[in-house]
Amino acid sequence: VCTLTTPSLVGKYENIEMNDKKEWNIVAYPNPFENNFKLELISDGKEMISLKIYDMLGHVVENRVAETTEIPQLEIGLNYPSGVYNVAISQGNWVKNIRIIKR
């Protein structure tokens, strides 16, 4: 919570609390991976998570939508061949792309 004090027009001070700060980040681990990888999500949002995984040729390897509570349990990449993949994750207005390697 951030408190901002600003002068008002009548010479008094008002306290304005800024509670609308949103936090969002997602991390893929382990990277590189041998069997599968997991995602760790930090999010204040309640919207569904969209997850698209592309191979290096740009083909969609996997496309799924999940609740934020499901993200820690997902095991992704078990049947992928060795290679480099781009993981596109979005939730509401937040988007992140992660490059991940399967050995």
Protein backbone atom coordinates (compact mmCIF):
# COMPACT_ATOMS: atom_id res chain seq x y z
CA VAL A 1 0.00 0.00 0.00
CA CYS A 2 1.33 3.40 -0.97
CA THR A 3 0.12 6.55 0.80
CA LEU A 4 0.38 9.79 -1.11
CA THR A 5 -0.10 13.14 0.62
CA THR A 6 -1.09 16.03 -1.62
CA PRO A 7 -2.05 19.60 -0.81
CA SER A 8 -5.72 20.37 -1.35
CA LEU A 9 -7.10 23.62 -2.71
CA VAL A 10 -7.94 24.91 0.77
CA GLY A 11 -4.46 24.43 2.21
CA LYS A 12 -5.11 21.16 4.07
CA TYR A 13 -3.48 17.81 3.28
CA GLU A 14 -5.34 14.75 2.08
CA ASN A 15 -4.14 11.18 2.33
CA ILE A 16 -4.84 9.08 -0.74
CA GLU A 17 -4.19 5.37 -0.57
CA MET A 18 -3.21 3.63 -3.79
CA ASN A 19 -4.52 0.05 -3.45
CA ASP A 20 -4.87 -0.73 -7.14
CA LYS A 21 -1.28 -1.90 -7.65
CA LYS A 22 -1.29 -5.30 -9.32
CA GLU A 23 1.54 -7.78 -9.16
CA TRP A 24 2.13 -10.40 -11.88
CA ASN A 25 5.01 -12.68 -12.78
CA ILE A 26 5.46 -16.25 -13.93
CA VAL A 27 8.57 -18.43 -13.93
CA ALA A 28 9.21 -21.79 -15.65
CA TYR A 29 11.46 -24.30 -13.87
CA PRO A 30 13.67 -26.26 -14.20
CA ASN A 31 15.20 -24.78 -17.32
CA PRO A 32 16.60 -26.72 -19.07
CA PHE A 33 14.36 -29.68 -18.21
CA GLU A 34 14.62 -33.41 -18.90
CA ASN A 35 11.10 -34.78 -18.30
CA ASN A 36 8.71 -31.89 -17.68
CA PHE A 37 8.63 -28.37 -16.33
CA LYS A 38 6.36 -26.48 -13.97
CA LEU A 39 5.20 -22.89 -13.69
CA GLU A 40 5.29 -20.66 -10.62
CA LEU A 41 2.73 -17.86 -10.79
CA ILE A 42 2.57 -14.66 -8.75
CA SER A 43 -0.74 -12.98 -9.55
CA ASP A 44 -3.36 -10.81 -7.90
CA GLY A 45 -5.73 -11.54 -10.81
CA LYS A 46 -8.55 -14.07 -10.82
CA GLU A 47 -8.84 -14.40 -14.61
CA MET A 48 -8.07 -17.67 -16.37
CA ILE A 49 -4.47 -18.29 -17.49
CA SER A 50 -3.90 -18.93 -21.20
CA LEU A 51 -0.86 -21.05 -22.02
CA LYS A 52 0.48 -21.63 -25.54
CA ILE A 53 3.69 -23.48 -26.27
CA TYR A 54 5.41 -23.17 -29.64
CA ASP A 55 8.31 -25.09 -31.12
CA MET A 56 11.10 -23.18 -32.89
CA LEU A 57 9.25 -23.45 -36.22
CA GLY A 58 6.31 -21.57 -34.71
CA HIS A 59 3.96 -24.57 -34.52
CA VAL A 60 1.65 -24.73 -31.52
CA VAL A 61 2.69 -27.78 -29.50
CA GLU A 62 0.24 -27.24 -26.66
CA ASN A 63 -2.65 -24.87 -25.99
CA ARG A 64 -4.51 -24.85 -22.69
CA VAL A 65 -6.47 -22.62 -20.35
CA ALA A 66 -6.27 -23.08 -16.58
CA GLU A 67 -7.41 -21.52 -13.32
CA THR A 68 -4.70 -19.73 -11.33
CA THR A 69 -4.99 -22.44 -8.65
CA GLU A 70 -4.20 -25.17 -11.21
CA ILE A 71 -0.91 -23.65 -12.42
CA PRO A 72 1.37 -25.10 -9.68
CA GLN A 73 0.12 -28.65 -10.38
CA LEU A 74 0.65 -28.55 -14.16
CA GLU A 75 3.46 -30.76 -15.46
CA ILE A 76 4.21 -29.60 -18.99
CA GLY A 77 6.46 -31.04 -21.69
CA LEU A 78 6.48 -34.73 -20.80
CA ASN A 79 5.94 -35.89 -24.41
CA TYR A 80 7.93 -33.12 -26.12
CA PRO A 81 10.99 -34.08 -28.15
CA SER A 82 14.31 -32.46 -27.20
CA GLY A 83 14.50 -28.88 -28.39
CA VAL A 84 13.81 -25.22 -27.66
CA TYR A 85 10.27 -24.02 -26.97
CA ASN A 86 8.61 -20.63 -26.51
CA VAL A 87 5.97 -20.50 -23.79
CA ALA A 88 3.42 -17.68 -24.09
CA ILE A 89 1.44 -17.08 -20.90
CA SER A 90 -1.31 -14.50 -20.52
CA GLN A 91 -3.82 -13.44 -17.91
CA GLY A 92 -6.07 -10.48 -18.59
CA ASN A 93 -3.77 -7.67 -19.84
CA TRP A 94 -0.59 -9.41 -18.61
CA VAL A 95 1.55 -11.35 -21.11
CA LYS A 96 4.92 -13.05 -20.71
CA ASN A 97 7.01 -15.15 -23.09
CA ILE A 98 9.55 -17.64 -21.74
CA ARG A 99 12.07 -19.65 -23.76
CA ILE A 100 12.61 -23.13 -22.35
CA ILE A 101 14.88 -26.02 -23.39
CA LYS A 102 14.20 -29.74 -23.21
CA ARG A 103 17.37 -31.86 -23.11
